[in-house]
């Protein structure tokens, strides 16, 4: 087909519809992982497993002696010594569940990806550069697991909290893998010839850049616990700019380590993201030449408003688990909508 040939890299025949559906399923699993990761963090469960066995750690403790051994190892961690020294074995099992489930679900994503990838490749439904591009996602997923353990290790030394820099890197890579898979799935979908709109495309990439910064600052908010500081909106306990926003020296350090500044930046960027996304959604909807492009524009405009409201409610209610994790998942969905809008403006030349 002309359009398919024009879009496929190296003129390799495009994958079958089943391959595209599989990629969207993997994308959904990553979204579920983002949600589970948020719950794990907000329930204080992320440091409950003090070791990592990527290949042999799929089974939980199965007997009382096993549980007691795992609990004893946890008792040597800074989190138990400084924070959770009151815990019984029953209390420990509750926080252990979410971290264990988080890691187990990561392994499940690996299986959900690799087994179909191997099947489609052996059957010839996924060939050439398409197969290579898909496998890159699997490699990135493996790196995500390593980065997750690197993050956890930062909270097992002296202070019972993970580095907010490592947390931001871990979350960002998860979003990147999801975005990579979305883009690959969209590239595989045949589409008719269209010129695209360079202005909208550049604006879309600018929005994605702004969203990326906002996502990183969301991780900074979580890692420094800045989200718990001000339970008012739109002001911050009666002021618009916190008095300690430049308390650290040198001044640039405030942008990365001062919870007051991080809070102020995240709240301020939210207004710019919301306004920019609504404008782009309206412009893309007017420019759309296909139903799926109009749907992407609606998802972007509606999604950013929902995400904004979720952020406000998360602050007002003191970052409850349900709202906080939903807000994290909302960022993942919003980035996806922005990518769909940008991809909709991708120029598709005629065949030949």
Protein backbone atom coordinates (compact mmCIF):
# COMPACT_ATOMS: atom_id res chain seq x y z
CA UNK A 1 0.00 0.00 0.00
CA UNK A 2 1.30 3.45 -0.86
CA UNK A 3 0.80 5.12 2.51
CA UNK A 4 2.21 2.20 4.43
CA UNK A 5 5.31 2.04 2.28
CA UNK A 6 5.84 5.77 2.74
CA UNK A 7 5.73 5.51 6.51
CA UNK A 8 7.74 2.34 7.12
CA UNK A 9 11.48 2.67 7.85
CA UNK A 10 13.74 1.23 5.21
CA UNK A 11 10.63 0.38 3.16
CA UNK A 12 10.13 -2.76 5.25
CA UNK A 13 6.52 -3.93 5.09
CA UNK A 14 4.57 -2.53 8.04
CA UNK A 15 3.73 -4.93 10.89
CA UNK A 16 0.29 -6.48 11.17
CA UNK A 17 -2.55 -5.02 13.19
CA UNK A 18 -1.91 -7.59 15.90
CA UNK A 19 1.56 -6.13 16.47
CA UNK A 20 0.10 -2.65 16.94
CA UNK A 21 -2.52 -3.94 19.38
CA UNK A 22 0.23 -5.72 21.33
CA UNK A 23 2.23 -2.48 21.63
CA UNK A 24 -0.80 -0.63 22.97
CA UNK A 25 -1.31 -3.42 25.51
CA UNK A 26 2.31 -3.01 26.65
CA UNK A 27 1.72 0.73 26.87
CA UNK A 28 -1.28 0.05 29.12
CA UNK A 29 0.79 -2.23 31.35
CA UNK A 30 3.38 0.53 31.74
CA UNK A 31 0.58 2.91 32.71
CA UNK A 32 -0.55 0.43 35.36
CA UNK A 33 3.06 0.26 36.56
CA UNK A 34 3.14 4.06 36.88
CA UNK A 35 0.01 3.85 39.02
CA UNK A 36 1.40 1.03 41.17
CA UNK A 37 4.66 2.94 41.57
CA UNK A 38 2.74 5.95 42.86
CA UNK A 39 0.86 3.81 45.36
CA UNK A 40 4.11 2.16 46.48
CA UNK A 41 5.72 5.52 47.12
CA UNK A 42 2.74 7.11 48.85
CA UNK A 43 2.21 4.16 51.18
CA UNK A 44 5.86 4.30 52.26
CA UNK A 45 6.46 0.82 50.89
CA UNK A 46 9.36 1.45 48.52
CA UNK A 47 12.13 0.62 51.00
CA UNK A 48 10.58 -2.52 52.47
CA UNK A 49 12.66 -4.87 50.28
CA UNK A 50 16.31 -4.27 51.09
CA UNK A 51 17.78 -6.59 48.45
CA UNK A 52 17.21 -7.26 44.77
CA UNK A 53 17.23 -10.56 42.93
CA UNK A 54 16.06 -9.78 39.39
CA UNK A 55 15.87 -13.42 38.25
CA UNK A 56 15.17 -15.34 41.46
CA UNK A 57 13.08 -12.82 43.36
CA UNK A 58 9.69 -13.53 41.82
CA UNK A 59 8.42 -15.59 44.77
CA UNK A 60 7.48 -13.90 48.06
CA UNK A 61 8.26 -15.43 51.47
CA UNK A 62 6.18 -18.61 51.69
CA UNK A 63 6.59 -19.64 55.31
CA UNK A 64 6.76 -18.00 58.72
CA UNK A 65 10.53 -18.51 58.98
CA UNK A 66 10.95 -16.94 55.54
CA UNK A 67 8.89 -13.92 56.61
CA UNK A 68 10.87 -13.55 59.82
CA UNK A 69 14.15 -13.65 57.87
CA UNK A 70 12.98 -10.95 55.47
CA UNK A 71 11.70 -8.85 58.38
CA UNK A 72 15.05 -9.16 60.16
CA UNK A 73 16.85 -7.86 57.09
CA UNK A 74 14.43 -4.93 56.96
CA UNK A 75 15.14 -4.17 60.63
CA UNK A 76 18.70 -3.25 59.69
CA UNK A 77 17.50 -0.56 57.27
CA UNK A 78 17.43 3.16 58.14
CA UNK A 79 13.66 3.26 57.53
CA UNK A 80 12.97 0.71 60.25
CA UNK A 81 15.52 2.11 62.69
CA UNK A 82 14.48 5.74 62.30
CA UNK A 83 10.81 5.59 61.29
CA UNK A 84 9.11 2.18 61.48
CA UNK A 85 10.67 0.69 64.63
CA UNK A 86 7.14 0.23 66.00
CA UNK A 87 6.18 -2.23 63.27
CA UNK A 88 5.17 -5.81 63.91
CA UNK A 89 5.53 -8.55 61.32
CA UNK A 90 1.89 -7.98 60.33
CA UNK A 91 2.54 -4.27 59.72
CA UNK A 92 5.63 -5.09 57.70
CA UNK A 93 3.70 -7.47 55.46
CA UNK A 94 1.40 -4.62 54.42
CA UNK A 95 4.17 -2.38 53.13
CA UNK A 96 6.08 -5.35 51.73
CA UNK A 97 3.09 -6.20 49.54
CA UNK A 98 3.20 -3.03 47.45
CA UNK A 99 6.94 -3.08 46.82
CA UNK A 100 6.81 -6.80 46.01
CA UNK A 101 3.84 -6.28 43.69
CA UNK A 102 5.63 -3.35 42.07
CA UNK A 103 8.67 -5.49 41.27
CA UNK A 104 6.60 -8.50 40.23
CA UNK A 105 4.56 -6.36 37.85
CA UNK A 106 7.79 -5.09 36.30
CA UNK A 107 8.80 -8.69 35.56
CA UNK A 108 5.33 -9.33 34.13
CA UNK A 109 5.75 -6.42 31.72
CA UNK A 110 9.00 -8.01 30.54
CA UNK A 111 7.15 -11.24 29.77
CA UNK A 112 4.20 -9.45 28.14
CA UNK A 113 6.69 -7.70 25.89
CA UNK A 114 9.30 -10.33 25.09
CA UNK A 115 7.14 -13.41 24.43
CA UNK A 116 4.90 -11.72 21.80
CA UNK A 117 7.93 -9.92 20.33
CA UNK A 118 9.63 -13.29 19.81
CA UNK A 119 6.44 -14.80 18.37
CA UNK A 120 5.82 -11.95 15.93
CA UNK A 121 9.48 -11.93 14.87
CA UNK A 122 9.65 -15.67 14.25
CA UNK A 123 6.36 -15.54 12.32
CA UNK A 124 7.66 -12.71 10.12
CA UNK A 125 4.99 -10.28 11.30
CA UNK A 126 7.68 -8.06 12.81
CA UNK A 127 10.76 -7.68 10.64
CA UNK A 128 13.75 -5.52 9.88
CA UNK A 129 13.96 -2.14 11.54
CA UNK A 130 10.49 -2.60 13.05
CA UNK A 131 11.74 -5.59 15.04
CA UNK A 132 14.87 -3.71 16.11
CA UNK A 133 12.94 -0.60 17.13
CA UNK A 134 10.57 -2.72 19.18
CA UNK A 135 13.40 -4.60 20.88
CA UNK A 136 14.96 -1.30 21.94
CA UNK A 137 11.90 -0.82 24.15
CA UNK A 138 12.67 -4.13 25.86
CA UNK A 139 16.24 -3.00 26.55
CA UNK A 140 14.97 0.28 27.95
CA UNK A 141 12.61 -1.65 30.20
CA UNK A 142 15.53 -3.65 31.57
CA UNK A 143 17.43 -0.45 32.26
CA UNK A 144 14.37 0.83 34.08
CA UNK A 145 14.59 -2.10 36.49
CA UNK A 146 18.27 -1.37 37.15
CA UNK A 147 17.51 2.30 37.68
CA UNK A 148 14.74 1.39 40.10
CA UNK A 149 17.15 -0.57 42.29
CA UNK A 150 19.71 2.25 42.01
CA UNK A 151 17.00 4.57 43.35
CA UNK A 152 16.04 2.24 46.21
CA UNK A 153 19.67 1.85 47.27
CA UNK A 154 19.87 5.58 47.96
CA UNK A 155 17.36 5.12 50.78
CA UNK A 156 19.14 2.16 52.38
CA UNK A 157 22.28 3.94 53.52
CA UNK A 158 21.78 6.68 56.12
CA UNK A 159 18.58 8.63 55.41
CA UNK A 160 15.35 6.61 54.99
CA UNK A 161 14.33 8.39 51.81
CA UNK A 162 15.35 7.87 48.20
CA UNK A 163 17.24 10.55 46.33
CA UNK A 164 14.76 12.82 44.59
CA UNK A 165 17.17 13.00 41.66
CA UNK A 166 17.10 9.22 41.27
CA UNK A 167 13.33 9.21 41.74
CA UNK A 168 12.99 11.77 38.95
CA UNK A 169 15.25 9.70 36.68
CA UNK A 170 13.27 6.52 37.44
CA UNK A 171 9.91 8.16 36.74
CA UNK A 172 11.19 9.95 33.63
CA UNK A 173 12.53 6.74 32.12
CA UNK A 174 9.20 5.01 32.72
CA UNK A 175 7.43 7.83 30.89
CA UNK A 176 10.02 7.74 28.11
CA UNK A 177 9.57 4.01 27.54
CA UNK A 178 5.80 4.47 27.37
CA UNK A 179 6.21 7.40 24.99
CA UNK A 180 8.63 5.42 22.82
CA UNK A 181 6.13 2.58 22.49
CA UNK A 182 3.29 4.99 21.67
CA UNK A 183 5.33 6.64 18.93
CA UNK A 184 6.31 3.26 17.50
CA UNK A 185 2.68 2.09 17.49
CA UNK A 186 1.59 5.30 15.76
CA UNK A 187 4.34 4.93 13.16
CA UNK A 188 3.08 1.43 12.37
CA UNK A 189 -0.45 2.59 11.69
CA UNK A 190 -1.09 3.22 7.98
CA UNK A 191 -2.27 6.71 7.11
CA UNK A 192 -3.02 8.67 4.00
CA UNK A 193 -0.78 11.27 2.43
CA UNK A 194 -0.88 14.61 4.26
CA UNK A 195 1.37 17.69 4.36
CA UNK A 196 1.39 18.16 8.15
CA UNK A 197 1.60 21.51 9.93
CA UNK A 198 5.12 22.52 10.93
CA UNK A 199 3.96 25.29 13.27
CA UNK A 200 1.68 23.00 15.22
CA UNK A 201 4.31 20.29 15.23
CA UNK A 202 6.95 22.63 16.66
CA UNK A 203 4.44 23.89 19.21
CA UNK A 204 3.63 20.30 20.16
CA UNK A 205 7.28 19.48 20.76
CA UNK A 206 7.60 22.65 22.84
CA UNK A 207 4.66 21.49 24.96
CA UNK A 208 6.24 18.06 25.39
CA UNK A 209 9.44 19.76 26.53
CA UNK A 210 7.49 21.81 29.07
CA UNK A 211 5.60 18.72 30.19
CA UNK A 212 8.89 16.90 30.70
CA UNK A 213 10.15 19.64 33.00
CA UNK A 214 6.84 19.57 34.89
CA UNK A 215 7.03 15.79 35.29
CA UNK A 216 10.56 16.06 36.66
CA UNK A 217 9.40 18.70 39.13
CA UNK A 218 6.51 16.46 40.10
CA UNK A 219 9.09 13.83 41.03
CA UNK A 220 11.06 16.47 42.93
CA UNK A 221 7.85 17.34 44.78
CA UNK A 222 7.44 13.70 45.77
CA UNK A 223 11.08 13.07 46.61
CA UNK A 224 11.43 16.15 48.84
CA UNK A 225 7.89 15.77 50.24
CA UNK A 226 7.22 19.34 49.13
CA UNK A 227 3.66 18.40 48.20
CA UNK A 228 2.73 18.18 51.88
CA UNK A 229 3.88 21.71 52.73
CA UNK A 230 1.03 23.92 51.52
CA UNK A 231 -2.55 22.70 51.66
CA UNK A 232 -4.02 25.83 50.07
CA UNK A 233 -4.60 26.89 46.48
CA UNK A 234 -3.97 29.05 44.46
CA UNK A 235 -1.96 30.79 47.20
CA UNK A 236 0.57 29.06 49.44
CA UNK A 237 -0.67 29.66 52.98
CA UNK A 238 -1.66 33.21 52.13
CA UNK A 239 1.32 34.14 49.94
CA UNK A 240 2.03 33.75 46.25
CA UNK A 241 5.80 33.36 46.58
CA UNK A 242 7.18 31.57 49.67
CA UNK A 243 9.57 33.63 51.76
CA UNK A 244 12.22 30.88 51.71
CA UNK A 245 12.19 30.49 47.95
CA UNK A 246 15.81 31.74 47.75
CA UNK A 247 17.00 30.48 51.13
CA UNK A 248 19.82 28.32 49.74
CA UNK A 249 23.14 29.48 48.42
CA UNK A 250 24.15 29.50 45.63
CA UNK A 251 20.80 30.69 44.29
CA UNK A 252 20.52 28.08 41.51
CA UNK A 253 20.56 25.28 44.08
CA UNK A 254 17.07 26.34 45.20
CA UNK A 255 15.66 25.12 41.88
CA UNK A 256 16.73 21.55 42.65
CA UNK A 257 16.82 21.12 46.42
CA UNK A 258 14.69 23.75 48.12
CA UNK A 259 11.18 22.32 48.75
CA UNK A 260 9.65 25.83 48.79
CA UNK A 261 11.14 26.66 45.39
CA UNK A 262 10.26 23.28 43.95
CA UNK A 263 6.67 23.74 45.10
CA UNK A 264 6.51 27.24 43.62
CA UNK A 265 7.97 26.13 40.27
CA UNK A 266 5.65 23.12 39.98
CA UNK A 267 2.56 25.19 40.72
CA UNK A 268 3.61 27.99 38.36
CA UNK A 269 4.49 25.65 35.51
CA UNK A 270 1.05 24.03 35.85
CA UNK A 271 -0.61 27.24 34.64
CA UNK A 272 1.67 27.45 31.60
CA UNK A 273 1.20 23.78 30.74
CA UNK A 274 -2.58 24.06 31.03
CA UNK A 275 -2.83 27.22 28.93
CA UNK A 276 -0.41 25.99 26.28
CA UNK A 277 -2.08 22.58 26.02
CA UNK A 278 -5.59 24.04 25.67
CA UNK A 279 -4.40 26.40 22.92
CA UNK A 280 -2.64 23.58 21.08
CA UNK A 281 -5.65 21.28 21.44
CA UNK A 282 -7.97 23.88 19.90
CA UNK A 283 -5.53 24.62 17.07
CA UNK A 284 -4.96 20.92 16.35
CA UNK A 285 -8.69 20.20 16.39
CA UNK A 286 -9.31 22.91 13.80
CA UNK A 287 -6.46 21.61 11.65
CA UNK A 288 -7.41 17.92 11.97
CA UNK A 289 -8.10 16.03 8.76
CA UNK A 290 -9.01 12.68 10.33
CA UNK A 291 -11.13 11.48 13.22
CA UNK A 292 -8.17 10.09 15.17
CA UNK A 293 -6.45 13.49 15.01
CA UNK A 294 -9.56 15.21 16.36
CA UNK A 295 -9.76 12.61 19.13
CA UNK A 296 -6.12 13.28 20.05
CA UNK A 297 -6.82 17.01 20.27
CA UNK A 298 -9.84 16.44 22.51
CA UNK A 299 -7.84 14.09 24.73
CA UNK A 300 -5.12 16.71 25.09
CA UNK A 301 -7.47 19.56 25.93
CA UNK A 302 -9.68 17.56 28.25
CA UNK A 303 -6.76 15.66 29.77
CA UNK A 304 -4.84 18.74 30.81
CA UNK A 305 -7.91 20.18 32.56
CA UNK A 306 -8.50 16.92 34.44
CA UNK A 307 -4.83 16.76 35.38
CA UNK A 308 -4.89 20.36 36.63
CA UNK A 309 -7.90 19.65 38.84
CA UNK A 310 -6.29 16.45 40.13
CA UNK A 311 -3.20 18.43 41.08
CA UNK A 312 -5.23 21.01 42.98
CA UNK A 313 -7.23 18.36 44.84
CA UNK A 314 -4.05 16.44 45.67
CA UNK A 315 -2.65 19.55 47.33
CA UNK A 316 -5.86 20.51 49.15
CA UNK A 317 -6.35 17.05 50.63
CA UNK A 318 -2.75 16.56 51.71
CA UNK A 319 -1.61 14.11 49.01
CA UNK A 320 -3.85 11.11 49.72
CA UNK A 321 -2.81 7.87 48.07
CA UNK A 322 -5.71 7.74 45.60
CA UNK A 323 -5.36 11.32 44.35
CA UNK A 324 -1.56 11.35 44.36
CA UNK A 325 -1.25 8.16 42.33
CA UNK A 326 -4.04 9.26 39.97
CA UNK A 327 -2.21 12.55 39.41
CA UNK A 328 0.93 10.62 38.47
CA UNK A 329 -1.01 8.44 36.03
CA UNK A 330 -2.66 11.56 34.63
CA UNK A 331 0.74 12.97 33.70
CA UNK A 332 1.50 9.75 31.80
CA UNK A 333 -1.79 9.99 29.90
CA UNK A 334 -1.31 13.70 29.18
CA UNK A 335 2.13 13.10 27.68
CA UNK A 336 0.59 10.42 25.48
CA UNK A 337 -2.10 12.79 24.22
CA UNK A 338 0.54 15.40 23.38
CA UNK A 339 2.55 12.81 21.44
CA UNK A 340 -0.55 11.79 19.51
CA UNK A 341 -1.19 15.40 18.53
CA UNK A 342 2.42 15.88 17.41
CA UNK A 343 2.41 12.64 15.44
CA UNK A 344 -0.82 13.74 13.77
CA UNK A 345 1.10 16.66 12.28
CA UNK A 346 3.82 14.43 10.88
CA UNK A 347 4.12 14.97 7.15
CA UNK A 348 3.46 11.85 5.08
CA UNK A 349 4.83 12.15 1.52
CA UNK A 350 3.32 10.41 -1.47
CA UNK A 351 4.70 6.96 -2.38
CA UNK A 352 7.51 6.71 -4.85
